Amino acid sequence: YDELWIDGRRESAGANWTWVKNNRIINNSVVSYPEWYNGSSDKKTNCLAFARLGHDMPIVVPSDCRRGKPFLCIKT
């Protein structure tokens, strides 16, 4: 699947996910956002990305912040 960075981050595994811009906690409920990946939570996966499963199913995925990915949107 392809991934795009979004503005979500956490300080460490087990910490709350927050938006970088305003430090608000991100609610990971399916009601508010696309489904979140329900896999293991690695210590290195402290940034959030949008990904897709198949061709049309969006999903939010914790990912390693050091991996190069395009951004969904960039404020200039």
C-alpha atoms as a PDB file:
ATOM      1  CA  TYR A   1       0.000   0.000   0.000  1.00  0.00           C
ATOM      2  CA  ASP A   2       1.003   3.647  -0.403  1.00  0.00           C
ATOM      3  CA  GLU A   3       1.343   5.927   2.605  1.00  0.00           C
ATOM      4  CA  LEU A   4       1.128   9.698   3.100  1.00  0.00           C
ATOM      5  CA  TRP A   5       2.238  11.509   6.234  1.00  0.00           C
ATOM      6  CA  ILE A   6      -0.428  13.304   8.244  1.00  0.00           C
ATOM      7  CA  ASP A   7       0.175  15.646  11.177  1.00  0.00           C
ATOM      8  CA  GLY A   8      -0.151  13.017  13.925  1.00  0.00           C
ATOM      9  CA  ARG A   9       2.597  12.071  16.339  1.00  0.00           C
ATOM     10  CA  ARG A  10       3.245  10.575  19.772  1.00  0.00           C
ATOM     11  CA  GLU A  11       6.236  10.912  22.082  1.00  0.00           C
ATOM     12  CA  SER A  12       6.633   7.186  22.765  1.00  0.00           C
ATOM     13  CA  ALA A  13       4.868   3.832  22.433  1.00  0.00           C
ATOM     14  CA  GLY A  14       1.735   3.819  24.571  1.00  0.00           C
ATOM     15  CA  ALA A  15       1.470   7.631  24.681  1.00  0.00           C
ATOM     16  CA  ASN A  16      -1.512   9.531  23.277  1.00  0.00           C
ATOM     17  CA  TRP A  17      -1.492  10.435  19.599  1.00  0.00           C
ATOM     18  CA  THR A  18      -1.646  14.218  19.130  1.00  0.00           C
ATOM     19  CA  TRP A  19      -1.792  16.680  16.246  1.00  0.00           C
ATOM     20  CA  VAL A  20       1.606  18.381  15.876  1.00  0.00           C
ATOM     21  CA  LYS A  21       0.078  21.777  15.038  1.00  0.00           C
ATOM     22  CA  ASN A  22      -2.015  22.214  18.205  1.00  0.00           C
ATOM     23  CA  ASN A  23      -1.076  19.258  20.459  1.00  0.00           C
ATOM     24  CA  ARG A  24      -4.718  18.089  20.668  1.00  0.00           C
ATOM     25  CA  ILE A  25      -5.262  14.403  21.376  1.00  0.00           C
ATOM     26  CA  ILE A  26      -6.410  12.423  18.338  1.00  0.00           C
ATOM     27  CA  ASN A  27      -9.452  10.263  18.975  1.00  0.00           C
ATOM     28  CA  ASN A  28      -8.906   6.977  17.145  1.00  0.00           C
ATOM     29  CA  SER A  29     -12.585   6.056  16.994  1.00  0.00           C
ATOM     30  CA  VAL A  30     -13.886   4.760  13.686  1.00  0.00           C
ATOM     31  CA  VAL A  31     -16.684   7.346  13.908  1.00  0.00           C
ATOM     32  CA  SER A  32     -14.270  10.283  13.553  1.00  0.00           C
ATOM     33  CA  TYR A  33     -11.598   8.952  11.205  1.00  0.00           C
ATOM     34  CA  PRO A  34     -10.942   6.092   8.811  1.00  0.00           C
ATOM     35  CA  GLU A  35     -10.232   2.812  10.568  1.00  0.00           C
ATOM     36  CA  TRP A  36      -6.887   2.536  12.371  1.00  0.00           C
ATOM     37  CA  TYR A  37      -4.476  -0.327  11.749  1.00  0.00           C
ATOM     38  CA  ASN A  38      -4.947  -2.824  14.558  1.00  0.00           C
ATOM     39  CA  GLY A  39      -1.510  -4.414  14.634  1.00  0.00           C
ATOM     40  CA  SER A  40       1.417  -4.410  17.004  1.00  0.00           C
ATOM     41  CA  SER A  41       2.611  -1.027  18.242  1.00  0.00           C
ATOM     42  CA  ASP A  42       6.358  -0.839  17.683  1.00  0.00           C
ATOM     43  CA  LYS A  43       8.471   1.697  19.614  1.00  0.00           C
ATOM     44  CA  LYS A  44       9.660   3.143  16.291  1.00  0.00           C
ATOM     45  CA  THR A  45       6.176   3.888  14.937  1.00  0.00           C
ATOM     46  CA  ASN A  46       5.536   7.314  16.446  1.00  0.00           C
ATOM     47  CA  CYS A  47       4.178   9.176  13.395  1.00  0.00           C
ATOM     48  CA  LEU A  48       0.830   8.702  11.640  1.00  0.00           C
ATOM     49  CA  ALA A  49       0.233   8.064   7.967  1.00  0.00           C
ATOM     50  CA  PHE A  50      -2.806   7.520   5.782  1.00  0.00           C
ATOM     51  CA  ALA A  51      -2.555   4.302   3.824  1.00  0.00           C
ATOM     52  CA  ARG A  52      -4.918   2.131   1.835  1.00  0.00           C
ATOM     53  CA  LEU A  53      -5.757  -1.511   1.813  1.00  0.00           C
ATOM     54  CA  GLY A  54      -6.561  -2.699  -1.643  1.00  0.00           C
ATOM     55  CA  HIS A  55      -7.598   0.128  -3.931  1.00  0.00           C
ATOM     56  CA  ASP A  56     -10.282   1.898  -1.964  1.00  0.00           C
ATOM     57  CA  MET A  57     -10.091   1.292   1.801  1.00  0.00           C
ATOM     58  CA  PRO A  58      -8.382   4.157   3.689  1.00  0.00           C
ATOM     59  CA  ILE A  59      -6.666   3.321   6.953  1.00  0.00           C
ATOM     60  CA  VAL A  60      -4.606   5.237   9.537  1.00  0.00           C
ATOM     61  CA  VAL A  61      -1.254   3.540  10.151  1.00  0.00           C
ATOM     62  CA  PRO A  62       1.414   4.221  12.803  1.00  0.00           C
ATOM     63  CA  SER A  63       4.724   4.406  10.957  1.00  0.00           C
ATOM     64  CA  ASP A  64       8.429   4.992  11.562  1.00  0.00           C
ATOM     65  CA  CYS A  65       9.027   8.772  11.456  1.00  0.00           C
ATOM     66  CA  ARG A  66      12.364   8.241   9.684  1.00  0.00           C
ATOM     67  CA  ARG A  67      10.760   6.699   6.590  1.00  0.00           C
ATOM     68  CA  GLY A  68      10.491   9.038   3.619  1.00  0.00           C
ATOM     69  CA  LYS A  69       6.899   9.626   2.509  1.00  0.00           C
ATOM     70  CA  PRO A  70       5.038  12.463   0.820  1.00  0.00           C
ATOM     71  CA  PHE A  71       2.797  14.663   2.972  1.00  0.00           C
ATOM     72  CA  LEU A  72      -0.962  14.755   2.529  1.00  0.00           C
ATOM     73  CA  CYS A  73      -0.761  18.550   2.668  1.00  0.00           C
ATOM     74  CA  ILE A  74       2.016  20.966   3.447  1.00  0.00           C
ATOM     75  CA  LYS A  75       1.542  24.430   4.926  1.00  0.00           C
ATOM     76  CA  THR A  76       3.812  26.889   3.157  1.00  0.00           C
END
